[in-house]
Amino acid sequence: FSYTFAVNDATVYESKHNAISGVSFSQGIKTGGYTMEIRIPWTTLGGVQTVGDMVGFDLHVNDDDNGGTRDGKKAWRDGSD
C-alpha cells in the first residue's frame, strides 16, 4: 500500500491497490506547518491483526512549496534518497 495525503486536499490517494475504503484523515494548519491525523482500518489492508503480529511501516513527508519537483523530504525508517 502507498497512501498520499496532501495539505489542503481532501482526497485520499492510494497508488498500489486503490484500497481507500474506510480511510479518512483530518488536518489543520498551524504556525510553521500543519498537523495531520490519518485513520486506516485493518480491514482495508486485507486482514485482522492480533497481539504480537509484526507490521512494516514507513513514513515520508515530502515538501514542495512551488508545484515543481520535491524541495525536501523527511522519512522515518527509509534511508533512500
Protein backbone atom coordinates (compact mmCIF):
# COMPACT_ATOMS: atom_id res chain seq x y z
CA PHE A 1 0.00 0.00 0.00
CA SER A 2 1.15 3.51 -0.74
CA TYR A 3 -1.03 6.30 0.63
CA THR A 4 -0.71 10.00 -0.10
CA PHE A 5 -2.38 12.73 1.94
CA ALA A 6 -1.81 16.31 0.80
CA VAL A 7 -2.21 19.52 2.75
CA ASN A 8 -5.31 21.47 1.65
CA ASP A 9 -6.59 18.47 -0.36
CA ALA A 10 -9.45 16.31 0.95
CA THR A 11 -8.69 13.37 -1.39
CA VAL A 12 -7.18 10.08 -0.17
CA TYR A 13 -4.72 8.72 -2.75
CA GLU A 14 -3.53 5.08 -2.79
CA SER A 15 -1.38 4.16 -5.78
CA LYS A 16 -0.85 0.41 -5.44
CA HIS A 17 -4.22 -1.28 -4.77
CA ASN A 18 -6.85 1.51 -4.77
CA ALA A 19 -7.59 0.43 -1.17
CA ILE A 20 -9.26 3.53 0.24
CA SER A 21 -12.45 2.10 1.77
CA GLY A 22 -12.83 3.49 5.28
CA VAL A 23 -9.61 5.53 5.08
CA SER A 24 -10.01 9.06 6.40
CA PHE A 25 -7.89 11.91 7.66
CA SER A 26 -8.12 15.32 9.21
CA GLN A 27 -5.65 18.16 9.03
CA GLY A 28 -5.04 21.59 10.43
CA ILE A 29 -2.72 24.44 9.62
CA LYS A 30 -0.58 25.79 12.45
CA THR A 31 2.23 28.31 12.74
CA GLY A 32 5.20 26.93 10.82
CA GLY A 33 3.42 23.91 9.35
CA TYR A 34 0.45 21.61 9.73
CA THR A 35 -0.88 18.61 11.66
CA MET A 36 -2.44 15.52 10.15
CA GLU A 37 -4.26 12.55 11.69
CA ILE A 38 -4.80 9.51 9.45
CA ARG A 39 -7.07 6.51 10.04
CA ILE A 40 -6.60 3.29 8.01
CA PRO A 41 -8.76 0.33 9.08
CA TRP A 42 -7.11 -3.09 9.29
CA THR A 43 -9.91 -4.44 7.09
CA THR A 44 -8.85 -2.07 4.28
CA LEU A 45 -5.35 -3.54 4.46
CA GLY A 46 -6.80 -7.02 3.99
CA GLY A 47 -6.80 -8.61 7.38
CA VAL A 48 -7.16 -8.55 11.11
CA GLN A 49 -4.10 -8.11 13.28
CA THR A 50 -3.63 -9.88 16.59
CA VAL A 51 -1.39 -9.09 19.54
CA GLY A 52 2.22 -9.92 18.69
CA ASP A 53 1.90 -9.53 14.90
CA MET A 54 4.64 -7.55 13.15
CA VAL A 55 3.60 -4.77 10.77
CA GLY A 56 6.02 -2.94 8.46
CA PHE A 57 5.56 0.80 8.27
CA ASP A 58 7.36 3.70 6.53
CA LEU A 59 6.50 7.37 6.75
CA HIS A 60 7.64 10.09 4.33
CA VAL A 61 6.90 13.81 4.43
CA ASN A 62 7.62 15.48 1.09
CA ASP A 63 7.93 19.25 0.81
CA ASP A 64 7.12 21.09 -2.42
CA ASP A 65 6.50 24.80 -1.98
CA ASN A 66 6.21 25.80 -5.63
CA GLY A 67 4.45 22.97 -7.52
CA GLY A 68 7.65 21.74 -9.15
CA THR A 69 9.92 18.95 -8.05
CA ARG A 70 10.23 17.96 -4.40
CA ASP A 71 12.12 20.58 -2.36
CA GLY A 72 12.86 18.27 0.53
CA LYS A 73 11.90 15.08 2.34
CA LYS A 74 11.81 13.75 5.89
CA ALA A 75 11.47 9.99 6.31
CA TRP A 76 11.10 7.53 9.13
CA ARG A 77 12.58 4.05 8.58
CA ASP A 78 13.72 4.70 4.98
CA GLY A 79 17.30 5.65 4.17
CA SER A 80 16.92 6.05 0.40
CA ASP A 81 17.30 9.42 -1.41
